[in-house]
Amino acid sequence: MTRTEELSRARLRKEANKWIEMEMETRMAAAVEEIAMQAEVGSNILPEHAVQKHVTEATSYAEQEIRRELELEAEEWIERKLSEEAEMEESEADNPCGGCRGCCG
């Protein structure tokens, strides 16, 4: 991997990390709401400690799974962006003047 590729990957990773954190907040809010609804339904038939245990475990599991899913999405996005940048660099190398039609073509 060239230095330019490393810098591009680092820049994209930083951007992806910001997106992950914003998306985590959104998706976790929805998950917590769903878990609370489940807890409310369960509170009619289960003891309080069982409901609390479910909320704690379900929230932890949701956070892990959402983060894993977002990491996968981010990695796919990074690879796609790197591929697009590489394609753009190749096309620019084929036409150094950017299509001016002056000196080269």
PDB file of N, CA and C in Angstrom:
ATOM      1  N   MET A   1       0.842  -1.166   0.000  1.00  0.00           N
ATOM      2  CA  MET A   1       0.000   0.000   0.000  1.00  0.00           C
ATOM      3  C   MET A   1       0.895   1.239   0.000  1.00  0.00           C
ATOM      4  N   THR A   2       0.586   2.166  -0.884  1.00  0.00           N
ATOM      5  CA  THR A   2       1.381   3.387  -0.977  1.00  0.00           C
ATOM      6  C   THR A   2       0.998   4.353   0.148  1.00  0.00           C
ATOM      7  N   ARG A   3       1.821   5.341   0.335  1.00  0.00           N
ATOM      8  CA  ARG A   3       1.571   6.354   1.368  1.00  0.00           C
ATOM      9  C   ARG A   3       0.263   7.091   1.084  1.00  0.00           C
ATOM     10  N   THR A   4       0.001   7.370  -0.179  1.00  0.00           N
ATOM     11  CA  THR A   4      -1.237   8.041  -0.562  1.00  0.00           C
ATOM     12  C   THR A   4      -2.447   7.184  -0.205  1.00  0.00           C
ATOM     13  N   GLU A   5      -2.351   5.893  -0.479  1.00  0.00           N
ATOM     14  CA  GLU A   5      -3.443   4.979  -0.131  1.00  0.00           C
ATOM     15  C   GLU A   5      -3.643   4.918   1.386  1.00  0.00           C
ATOM     16  N   GLU A   6      -2.535   4.900   2.124  1.00  0.00           N
ATOM     17  CA  GLU A   6      -2.628   4.881   3.588  1.00  0.00           C
ATOM     18  C   GLU A   6      -3.315   6.141   4.100  1.00  0.00           C
ATOM     19  N   LEU A   7      -2.952   7.277   3.536  1.00  0.00           N
ATOM     20  CA  LEU A   7      -3.567   8.538   3.948  1.00  0.00           C
ATOM     21  C   LEU A   7      -5.054   8.571   3.587  1.00  0.00           C
ATOM     22  N   SER A   8      -5.376   8.097   2.405  1.00  0.00           N
ATOM     23  CA  SER A   8      -6.784   8.040   1.994  1.00  0.00           C
ATOM     24  C   SER A   8      -7.577   7.128   2.913  1.00  0.00           C
ATOM     25  N   ARG A   9      -7.014   5.966   3.213  1.00  0.00           N
ATOM     26  CA  ARG A   9      -7.691   5.010   4.100  1.00  0.00           C
ATOM     27  C   ARG A   9      -7.885   5.628   5.483  1.00  0.00           C
ATOM     28  N   ALA A  10      -6.878   6.307   5.998  1.00  0.00           N
ATOM     29  CA  ALA A  10      -6.973   6.937   7.324  1.00  0.00           C
ATOM     30  C   ALA A  10      -8.038   8.035   7.318  1.00  0.00           C
ATOM     31  N   ARG A  11      -8.076   8.827   6.264  1.00  0.00           N
ATOM     32  CA  ARG A  11      -9.074   9.892   6.148  1.00  0.00           C
ATOM     33  C   ARG A  11     -10.478   9.302   6.091  1.00  0.00           C
ATOM     34  N   LEU A  12     -10.644   8.269   5.281  1.00  0.00           N
ATOM     35  CA  LEU A  12     -11.955   7.629   5.161  1.00  0.00           C
ATOM     36  C   LEU A  12     -12.356   6.939   6.463  1.00  0.00           C
ATOM     37  N   ARG A  13     -11.410   6.333   7.166  1.00  0.00           N
ATOM     38  CA  ARG A  13     -11.692   5.667   8.434  1.00  0.00           C
ATOM     39  C   ARG A  13     -12.173   6.687   9.467  1.00  0.00           C
ATOM     40  N   LYS A  14     -11.524   7.856   9.473  1.00  0.00           N
ATOM     41  CA  LYS A  14     -11.924   8.910  10.407  1.00  0.00           C
ATOM     42  C   LYS A  14     -13.355   9.367  10.102  1.00  0.00           C
ATOM     43  N   GLU A  15     -13.645   9.540   8.832  1.00  0.00           N
ATOM     44  CA  GLU A  15     -14.989   9.936   8.412  1.00  0.00           C
ATOM     45  C   GLU A  15     -16.011   8.853   8.760  1.00  0.00           C
ATOM     46  N   ALA A  16     -15.638   7.601   8.532  1.00  0.00           N
ATOM     47  CA  ALA A  16     -16.520   6.479   8.842  1.00  0.00           C
ATOM     48  C   ALA A  16     -16.773   6.376  10.343  1.00  0.00           C
ATOM     49  N   ASN A  17     -15.755   6.619  11.149  1.00  0.00           N
ATOM     50  CA  ASN A  17     -15.921   6.559  12.604  1.00  0.00           C
ATOM     51  C   ASN A  17     -16.919   7.606  13.095  1.00  0.00           C
ATOM     52  N   LYS A  18     -16.867   8.792  12.510  1.00  0.00           N
ATOM     53  CA  LYS A  18     -17.837   9.831  12.865  1.00  0.00           C
ATOM     54  C   LYS A  18     -19.248   9.369  12.505  1.00  0.00           C
ATOM     55  N   TRP A  19     -19.381   8.794  11.315  1.00  0.00           N
ATOM     56  CA  TRP A  19     -20.686   8.295  10.868  1.00  0.00           C
ATOM     57  C   TRP A  19     -21.177   7.188  11.791  1.00  0.00           C
ATOM     58  N   ILE A  20     -20.287   6.289  12.172  1.00  0.00           N
ATOM     59  CA  ILE A  20     -20.663   5.187  13.055  1.00  0.00           C
ATOM     60  C   ILE A  20     -21.221   5.726  14.364  1.00  0.00           C
ATOM     61  N   GLU A  21     -20.550   6.687  14.950  1.00  0.00           N
ATOM     62  CA  GLU A  21     -21.015   7.229  16.229  1.00  0.00           C
ATOM     63  C   GLU A  21     -22.374   7.909  16.102  1.00  0.00           C
ATOM     64  N   MET A  22     -22.580   8.666  15.034  1.00  0.00           N
ATOM     65  CA  MET A  22     -23.878   9.309  14.826  1.00  0.00           C
ATOM     66  C   MET A  22     -24.962   8.261  14.595  1.00  0.00           C
ATOM     67  N   GLU A  23     -24.642   7.278  13.786  1.00  0.00           N
ATOM     68  CA  GLU A  23     -25.610   6.226  13.462  1.00  0.00           C
ATOM     69  C   GLU A  23     -25.889   5.345  14.676  1.00  0.00           C
ATOM     70  N   MET A  24     -24.863   5.128  15.517  1.00  0.00           N
ATOM     71  CA  MET A  24     -25.061   4.356  16.753  1.00  0.00           C
ATOM     72  C   MET A  24     -26.120   5.016  17.619  1.00  0.00           C
ATOM     73  N   GLU A  25     -26.038   6.329  17.766  1.00  0.00           N
ATOM     74  CA  GLU A  25     -27.012   7.051  18.581  1.00  0.00           C
ATOM     75  C   GLU A  25     -28.429   6.835  18.050  1.00  0.00           C
ATOM     76  N   THR A  26     -28.587   6.966  16.762  1.00  0.00           N
ATOM     77  CA  THR A  26     -29.901   6.820  16.141  1.00  0.00           C
ATOM     78  C   THR A  26     -30.433   5.400  16.304  1.00  0.00           C
ATOM     79  N   ARG A  27     -29.606   4.427  15.946  1.00  0.00           N
ATOM     80  CA  ARG A  27     -30.061   3.032  16.003  1.00  0.00           C
ATOM     81  C   ARG A  27     -30.245   2.540  17.436  1.00  0.00           C
ATOM     82  N   MET A  28     -29.382   2.989  18.343  1.00  0.00           N
ATOM     83  CA  MET A  28     -29.534   2.580  19.744  1.00  0.00           C
ATOM     84  C   MET A  28     -30.790   3.183  20.351  1.00  0.00           C
ATOM     85  N   ALA A  29     -31.128   4.394  19.973  1.00  0.00           N
ATOM     86  CA  ALA A  29     -32.361   5.004  20.480  1.00  0.00           C
ATOM     87  C   ALA A  29     -33.562   4.153  20.084  1.00  0.00           C
ATOM     88  N   ALA A  30     -33.570   3.689  18.842  1.00  0.00           N
ATOM     89  CA  ALA A  30     -34.669   2.833  18.385  1.00  0.00           C
ATOM     90  C   ALA A  30     -34.642   1.491  19.124  1.00  0.00           C
ATOM     91  N   ALA A  31     -33.458   0.942  19.326  1.00  0.00           N
ATOM     92  CA  ALA A  31     -33.342  -0.344  20.020  1.00  0.00           C
ATOM     93  C   ALA A  31     -33.784  -0.223  21.474  1.00  0.00           C
ATOM     94  N   VAL A  32     -33.368   0.834  22.135  1.00  0.00           N
ATOM     95  CA  VAL A  32     -33.748   1.039  23.538  1.00  0.00           C
ATOM     96  C   VAL A  32     -35.261   1.193  23.658  1.00  0.00           C
ATOM     97  N   GLU A  33     -35.853   1.884  22.713  1.00  0.00           N
ATOM     98  CA  GLU A  33     -37.307   2.041  22.703  1.00  0.00           C
ATOM     99  C   GLU A  33     -37.990   0.683  22.556  1.00  0.00           C
ATOM    100  N   GLU A  34     -37.491  -0.132  21.665  1.00  0.00           N
ATOM    101  CA  GLU A  34     -38.058  -1.472  21.450  1.00  0.00           C
ATOM    102  C   GLU A  34     -37.869  -2.347  22.685  1.00  0.00           C
ATOM    103  N   ILE A  35     -36.709  -2.282  23.291  1.00  0.00           N
ATOM    104  CA  ILE A  35     -36.426  -3.066  24.498  1.00  0.00           C
ATOM    105  C   ILE A  35     -37.345  -2.624  25.639  1.00  0.00           C
ATOM    106  N   ALA A  36     -37.562  -1.326  25.765  1.00  0.00           N
ATOM    107  CA  ALA A  36     -38.457  -0.807  26.807  1.00  0.00           C
ATOM    108  C   ALA A  36     -39.879  -1.312  26.598  1.00  0.00           C
ATOM    109  N   MET A  37     -40.300  -1.378  25.335  1.00  0.00           N
ATOM    110  CA  MET A  37     -41.626  -1.891  25.031  1.00  0.00           C
ATOM    111  C   MET A  37     -41.719  -3.363  25.431  1.00  0.00           C
ATOM    112  N   GLN A  38     -40.688  -4.136  25.113  1.00  0.00           N
ATOM    113  CA  GLN A  38     -40.659  -5.545  25.506  1.00  0.00           C
ATOM    114  C   GLN A  38     -40.707  -5.675  27.030  1.00  0.00           C
ATOM    115  N   ALA A  39     -39.954  -4.828  27.719  1.00  0.00           N
ATOM    116  CA  ALA A  39     -39.914  -4.875  29.181  1.00  0.00           C
ATOM    117  C   ALA A  39     -41.282  -4.549  29.766  1.00  0.00           C
ATOM    118  N   GLU A  40     -41.965  -3.598  29.169  1.00  0.00           N
ATOM    119  CA  GLU A  40     -43.292  -3.238  29.660  1.00  0.00           C
ATOM    120  C   GLU A  40     -44.262  -4.403  29.519  1.00  0.00           C
ATOM    121  N   VAL A  41     -44.209  -5.069  28.379  1.00  0.00           N
ATOM    122  CA  VAL A  41     -45.069  -6.233  28.160  1.00  0.00           C
ATOM    123  C   VAL A  41     -44.696  -7.345  29.144  1.00  0.00           C
ATOM    124  N   GLY A  42     -43.408  -7.570  29.312  1.00  0.00           N
ATOM    125  CA  GLY A  42     -42.943  -8.627  30.205  1.00  0.00           C
ATOM    126  C   GLY A  42     -43.201  -8.341  31.665  1.00  0.00           C
ATOM    127  N   SER A  43     -43.327  -7.077  32.023  1.00  0.00           N
ATOM    128  CA  SER A  43     -43.517  -6.722  33.430  1.00  0.00           C
ATOM    129  C   SER A  43     -44.850  -7.215  33.978  1.00  0.00           C
ATOM    130  N   ASN A  44     -45.773  -7.524  33.092  1.00  0.00           N
ATOM    131  CA  ASN A  44     -47.069  -8.047  33.525  1.00  0.00           C
ATOM    132  C   ASN A  44     -46.979  -9.498  33.996  1.00  0.00           C
ATOM    133  N   ILE A  45     -45.977 -10.227  33.513  1.00  0.00           N
ATOM    134  CA  ILE A  45     -45.902 -11.653  33.856  1.00  0.00           C
ATOM    135  C   ILE A  45     -44.588 -12.073  34.506  1.00  0.00           C
ATOM    136  N   LEU A  46     -43.584 -11.212  34.468  1.00  0.00           N
ATOM    137  CA  LEU A  46     -42.277 -11.559  35.026  1.00  0.00           C
ATOM    138  C   LEU A  46     -41.958 -10.696  36.238  1.00  0.00           C
ATOM    139  N   PRO A  47     -41.137 -11.236  37.142  1.00  0.00           N
ATOM    140  CA  PRO A  47     -40.711 -10.410  38.282  1.00  0.00           C
ATOM    141  C   PRO A  47     -39.805  -9.266  37.810  1.00  0.00           C
ATOM    142  N   GLU A  48     -39.749  -8.211  38.605  1.00  0.00           N
ATOM    143  CA  GLU A  48     -38.988  -7.008  38.255  1.00  0.00           C
ATOM    144  C   GLU A  48     -37.529  -7.307  37.948  1.00  0.00           C
ATOM    145  N   HIS A  49     -36.869  -8.169  38.748  1.00  0.00           N
ATOM    146  CA  HIS A  49     -35.455  -8.456  38.511  1.00  0.00           C
ATOM    147  C   HIS A  49     -35.241  -9.157  37.167  1.00  0.00           C
ATOM    148  N   ALA A  50     -36.190  -9.973  36.744  1.00  0.00           N
ATOM    149  CA  ALA A  50     -36.077 -10.644  35.445  1.00  0.00           C
ATOM    150  C   ALA A  50     -36.220  -9.641  34.308  1.00  0.00           C
ATOM    151  N   VAL A  51     -37.118  -8.688  34.486  1.00  0.00           N
ATOM    152  CA  VAL A  51     -37.320  -7.651  33.480  1.00  0.00           C
ATOM    153  C   VAL A  51     -36.061  -6.785  33.382  1.00  0.00           C
ATOM    154  N   GLN A  52     -35.500  -6.391  34.525  1.00  0.00           N
ATOM    155  CA  GLN A  52     -34.280  -5.573  34.534  1.00  0.00           C
ATOM    156  C   GLN A  52     -33.113  -6.325  33.890  1.00  0.00           C
ATOM    157  N   LYS A  53     -33.008  -7.600  34.174  1.00  0.00           N
ATOM    158  CA  LYS A  53     -31.939  -8.411  33.579  1.00  0.00           C
ATOM    159  C   LYS A  53     -32.095  -8.437  32.059  1.00  0.00           C
ATOM    160  N   HIS A  54     -33.338  -8.611  31.604  1.00  0.00           N
ATOM    161  CA  HIS A  54     -33.596  -8.609  30.158  1.00  0.00           C
ATOM    162  C   HIS A  54     -33.191  -7.278  29.538  1.00  0.00           C
ATOM    163  N   VAL A  55     -33.563  -6.185  30.168  1.00  0.00           N
ATOM    164  CA  VAL A  55     -33.246  -4.853  29.636  1.00  0.00           C
ATOM    165  C   VAL A  55     -31.729  -4.677  29.537  1.00  0.00           C
ATOM    166  N   THR A  56     -31.021  -5.045  30.602  1.00  0.00           N
ATOM    167  CA  THR A  56     -29.563  -4.898  30.625  1.00  0.00           C
ATOM    168  C   THR A  56     -28.904  -5.748  29.545  1.00  0.00           C
ATOM    169  N   GLU A  57     -29.284  -7.021  29.487  1.00  0.00           N
ATOM    170  CA  GLU A  57     -28.666  -7.924  28.508  1.00  0.00           C
ATOM    171  C   GLU A  57     -29.053  -7.571  27.078  1.00  0.00           C
ATOM    172  N   ALA A  58     -30.308  -7.239  26.869  1.00  0.00           N
ATOM    173  CA  ALA A  58     -30.762  -6.901  25.521  1.00  0.00           C
ATOM    174  C   ALA A  58     -30.106  -5.611  25.019  1.00  0.00           C
ATOM    175  N   THR A  59     -29.938  -4.653  25.904  1.00  0.00           N
ATOM    176  CA  THR A  59     -29.296  -3.400  25.517  1.00  0.00           C
ATOM    177  C   THR A  59     -27.833  -3.633  25.145  1.00  0.00           C
ATOM    178  N   SER A  60     -27.152  -4.421  25.953  1.00  0.00           N
ATOM    179  CA  SER A  60     -25.749  -4.738  25.671  1.00  0.00           C
ATOM    180  C   SER A  60     -25.609  -5.488  24.350  1.00  0.00           C
ATOM    181  N   TYR A  61     -26.463  -6.469  24.142  1.00  0.00           N
ATOM    182  CA  TYR A  61     -26.430  -7.255  22.904  1.00  0.00           C
ATOM    183  C   TYR A  61     -26.734  -6.364  21.695  1.00  0.00           C
ATOM    184  N   ALA A  62     -27.752  -5.515  21.816  1.00  0.00           N
ATOM    185  CA  ALA A  62     -28.117  -4.626  20.711  1.00  0.00           C
ATOM    186  C   ALA A  62     -26.956  -3.717  20.349  1.00  0.00           C
ATOM    187  N   GLU A  63     -26.291  -3.177  21.370  1.00  0.00           N
ATOM    188  CA  GLU A  63     -25.160  -2.289  21.110  1.00  0.00           C
ATOM    189  C   GLU A  63     -24.044  -3.012  20.370  1.00  0.00           C
ATOM    190  N   GLN A  64     -23.731  -4.226  20.797  1.00  0.00           N
ATOM    191  CA  GLN A  64     -22.683  -5.003  20.134  1.00  0.00           C
ATOM    192  C   GLN A  64     -23.041  -5.307  18.687  1.00  0.00           C
ATOM    193  N   GLU A  65     -24.269  -5.743  18.469  1.00  0.00           N
ATOM    194  CA  GLU A  65     -24.684  -6.118  17.119  1.00  0.00           C
ATOM    195  C   GLU A  65     -24.797  -4.915  16.190  1.00  0.00           C
ATOM    196  N   ILE A  66     -25.311  -3.816  16.711  1.00  0.00           N
ATOM    197  CA  ILE A  66     -25.419  -2.603  15.892  1.00  0.00           C
ATOM    198  C   ILE A  66     -24.028  -2.111  15.526  1.00  0.00           C
ATOM    199  N   ARG A  67     -23.116  -2.098  16.487  1.00  0.00           N
ATOM    200  CA  ARG A  67     -21.749  -1.649  16.203  1.00  0.00           C
ATOM    201  C   ARG A  67     -21.079  -2.563  15.175  1.00  0.00           C
ATOM    202  N   ARG A  68     -21.268  -3.867  15.316  1.00  0.00           N
ATOM    203  CA  ARG A  68     -20.684  -4.817  14.365  1.00  0.00           C
ATOM    204  C   ARG A  68     -21.226  -4.556  12.959  1.00  0.00           C
ATOM    205  N   GLU A  69     -22.529  -4.371  12.861  1.00  0.00           N
ATOM    206  CA  GLU A  69     -23.160  -4.096  11.574  1.00  0.00           C
ATOM    207  C   GLU A  69     -22.646  -2.793  10.967  1.00  0.00           C
ATOM    208  N   LEU A  70     -22.524  -1.766  11.783  1.00  0.00           N
ATOM    209  CA  LEU A  70     -22.029  -0.477  11.288  1.00  0.00           C
ATOM    210  C   LEU A  70     -20.575  -0.566  10.847  1.00  0.00           C
ATOM    211  N   GLU A  71     -19.763  -1.317  11.587  1.00  0.00           N
ATOM    212  CA  GLU A  71     -18.361  -1.507  11.196  1.00  0.00           C
ATOM    213  C   GLU A  71     -18.273  -2.179   9.833  1.00  0.00           C
ATOM    214  N   LEU A  72     -19.118  -3.189   9.608  1.00  0.00           N
ATOM    215  CA  LEU A  72     -19.123  -3.859   8.307  1.00  0.00           C
ATOM    216  C   LEU A  72     -19.546  -2.899   7.197  1.00  0.00           C
ATOM    217  N   GLU A  73     -20.590  -2.140   7.447  1.00  0.00           N
ATOM    218  CA  GLU A  73     -21.042  -1.153   6.459  1.00  0.00           C
ATOM    219  C   GLU A  73     -19.949  -0.131   6.178  1.00  0.00           C
ATOM    220  N   ALA A  74     -19.271   0.314   7.224  1.00  0.00           N
ATOM    221  CA  ALA A  74     -18.205   1.314   7.065  1.00  0.00           C
ATOM    222  C   ALA A  74     -17.047   0.746   6.251  1.00  0.00           C
ATOM    223  N   GLU A  75     -16.651  -0.492   6.535  1.00  0.00           N
ATOM    224  CA  GLU A  75     -15.548  -1.105   5.785  1.00  0.00           C
ATOM    225  C   GLU A  75     -15.897  -1.245   4.311  1.00  0.00           C
ATOM    226  N   GLU A  76     -17.131  -1.651   4.022  1.00  0.00           N
ATOM    227  CA  GLU A  76     -17.561  -1.749   2.625  1.00  0.00           C
ATOM    228  C   GLU A  76     -17.511  -0.378   1.956  1.00  0.00           C
ATOM    229  N   TRP A  77     -17.953   0.663   2.669  1.00  0.00           N
ATOM    230  CA  TRP A  77     -17.945   2.024   2.132  1.00  0.00           C
ATOM    231  C   TRP A  77     -16.515   2.476   1.862  1.00  0.00           C
ATOM    232  N   ILE A  78     -15.614   2.218   2.811  1.00  0.00           N
ATOM    233  CA  ILE A  78     -14.211   2.610   2.657  1.00  0.00           C
ATOM    234  C   ILE A  78     -13.608   1.929   1.434  1.00  0.00           C
ATOM    235  N   GLU A  79     -13.830   0.640   1.298  1.00  0.00           N
ATOM    236  CA  GLU A  79     -13.278  -0.092   0.150  1.00  0.00           C
ATOM    237  C   GLU A  79     -13.845   0.440  -1.167  1.00  0.00           C
ATOM    238  N   ARG A  80     -15.132   0.745  -1.179  1.00  0.00           N
ATOM    239  CA  ARG A  80     -15.760   1.281  -2.386  1.00  0.00           C
ATOM    240  C   ARG A  80     -15.159   2.648  -2.734  1.00  0.00           C
ATOM    241  N   LYS A  81     -14.979   3.505  -1.726  1.00  0.00           N
ATOM    242  CA  LYS A  81     -14.400   4.827  -1.956  1.00  0.00           C
ATOM    243  C   LYS A  81     -12.955   4.725  -2.446  1.00  0.00           C
ATOM    244  N   LEU A  82     -12.175   3.832  -1.846  1.00  0.00           N
ATOM    245  CA  LEU A  82     -10.788   3.645  -2.286  1.00  0.00           C
ATOM    246  C   LEU A  82     -10.739   3.163  -3.726  1.00  0.00           C
ATOM    247  N   SER A  83     -11.644   2.272  -4.071  1.00  0.00           N
ATOM    248  CA  SER A  83     -11.704   1.769  -5.441  1.00  0.00           C
ATOM    249  C   SER A  83     -12.066   2.892  -6.414  1.00  0.00           C
ATOM    250  N   GLU A  84     -13.027   3.731  -6.017  1.00  0.00           N
ATOM    251  CA  GLU A  84     -13.413   4.864  -6.864  1.00  0.00           C
ATOM    252  C   GLU A  84     -12.248   5.833  -7.037  1.00  0.00           C
ATOM    253  N   GLU A  85     -11.518   6.102  -5.952  1.00  0.00           N
ATOM    254  CA  GLU A  85     -10.364   6.996  -6.037  1.00  0.00           C
ATOM    255  C   GLU A  85      -9.290   6.416  -6.950  1.00  0.00           C
ATOM    256  N   ALA A  86      -9.065   5.099  -6.853  1.00  0.00           N
ATOM    257  CA  ALA A  86      -8.061   4.448  -7.704  1.00  0.00           C
ATOM    258  C   ALA A  86      -8.471   4.541  -9.171  1.00  0.00           C
ATOM    259  N   GLU A  87      -9.747   4.326  -9.451  1.00  0.00           N
ATOM    260  CA  GLU A  87     -10.236   4.429 -10.828  1.00  0.00           C
ATOM    261  C   GLU A  87     -10.071   5.845 -11.360  1.00  0.00           C
ATOM    262  N   MET A  88     -10.351   6.831 -10.508  1.00  0.00           N
ATOM    263  CA  MET A  88     -10.215   8.226 -10.918  1.00  0.00           C
ATOM    264  C   MET A  88      -8.757   8.552 -11.213  1.00  0.00           C
ATOM    265  N   GLU A  89      -7.850   8.065 -10.372  1.00  0.00           N
ATOM    266  CA  GLU A  89      -6.425   8.300 -10.584  1.00  0.00           C
ATOM    267  C   GLU A  89      -5.959   7.663 -11.894  1.00  0.00           C
ATOM    268  N   GLU A  90      -6.464   6.465 -12.193  1.00  0.00           N
ATOM    269  CA  GLU A  90      -6.096   5.794 -13.443  1.00  0.00           C
ATOM    270  C   GLU A  90      -6.583   6.582 -14.645  1.00  0.00           C
ATOM    271  N   SER A  91      -7.818   7.083 -14.571  1.00  0.00           N
ATOM    272  CA  SER A  91      -8.342   7.836 -15.710  1.00  0.00           C
ATOM    273  C   SER A  91      -7.601   9.169 -15.872  1.00  0.00           C
ATOM    274  N   GLU A  92      -7.193   9.774 -14.754  1.00  0.00           N
ATOM    275  CA  GLU A  92      -6.415  11.013 -14.831  1.00  0.00           C
ATOM    276  C   GLU A  92      -5.026  10.748 -15.394  1.00  0.00           C
ATOM    277  N   ALA A  93      -4.469   9.588 -15.098  1.00  0.00           N
ATOM    278  CA  ALA A  93      -3.147   9.243 -15.634  1.00  0.00           C
ATOM    279  C   ALA A  93      -3.222   9.053 -17.147  1.00  0.00           C
ATOM    280  N   ASP A  94      -4.352   8.544 -17.638  1.00  0.00           N
ATOM    281  CA  ASP A  94      -4.532   8.357 -19.078  1.00  0.00           C
ATOM    282  C   ASP A  94      -4.705   9.684 -19.808  1.00  0.00           C
ATOM    283  N   ASN A  95      -5.159  10.700 -19.094  1.00  0.00           N
ATOM    284  CA  ASN A  95      -5.411  11.992 -19.697  1.00  0.00           C
ATOM    285  C   ASN A  95      -4.927  13.077 -18.729  1.00  0.00           C
ATOM    286  N   PRO A  96      -3.629  13.368 -18.717  1.00  0.00           N
ATOM    287  CA  PRO A  96      -3.050  14.269 -17.723  1.00  0.00           C
ATOM    288  C   PRO A  96      -3.601  15.687 -17.744  1.00  0.00           C
ATOM    289  N   CYS A  97      -4.155  16.124 -18.848  1.00  0.00           N
ATOM    290  CA  CYS A  97      -4.680  17.485 -18.920  1.00  0.00           C
ATOM    291  C   CYS A  97      -6.145  17.561 -18.498  1.00  0.00           C
ATOM    292  N   GLY A  98      -6.718  16.452 -18.108  1.00  0.00           N
ATOM    293  CA  GLY A  98      -8.111  16.469 -17.665  1.00  0.00           C
ATOM    294  C   GLY A  98      -9.107  16.685 -18.788  1.00  0.00           C
ATOM    295  N   GLY A  99      -8.745  16.315 -19.996  1.00  0.00           N
ATOM    296  CA  GLY A  99      -9.688  16.408 -21.101  1.00  0.00           C
ATOM    297  C   GLY A  99      -9.729  17.757 -21.801  1.00  0.00           C
ATOM    298  N   CYS A 100      -8.654  18.530 -21.690  1.00  0.00           N
ATOM    299  CA  CYS A 100      -8.668  19.889 -22.282  1.00  0.00           C
ATOM    300  C   CYS A 100      -8.630  19.866 -23.809  1.00  0.00           C
ATOM    301  N   ARG A 101      -8.167  18.784 -24.364  1.00  0.00           N
ATOM    302  CA  ARG A 101      -8.045  18.624 -25.815  1.00  0.00           C
ATOM    303  C   ARG A 101      -7.027  19.555 -26.443  1.00  0.00           C
ATOM    304  N   GLY A 102      -6.194  20.171 -25.619  1.00  0.00           N
ATOM    305  CA  GLY A 102      -5.189  21.086 -26.133  1.00  0.00           C
ATOM    306  C   GLY A 102      -3.935  20.338 -26.559  1.00  0.00           C
ATOM    307  N   CYS A 103      -3.063  20.096 -25.633  1.00  0.00           N
ATOM    308  CA  CYS A 103      -1.750  19.562 -25.965  1.00  0.00           C
ATOM    309  C   CYS A 103      -1.733  18.065 -26.221  1.00  0.00           C
ATOM    310  N   CYS A 104      -2.632  17.328 -25.602  1.00  0.00           N
ATOM    311  CA  CYS A 104      -2.510  15.867 -25.711  1.00  0.00           C
ATOM    312  C   CYS A 104      -3.718  15.230 -26.355  1.00  0.00           C
ATOM    313  N   GLY A 105      -4.613  15.993 -26.792  1.00  0.00           N
ATOM    314  CA  GLY A 105      -5.597  15.327 -27.390  1.00  0.00           C
ATOM    315  C   GLY A 105      -6.832  15.409 -27.878  1.00  0.00           C
TER     316      GLY A 105
END
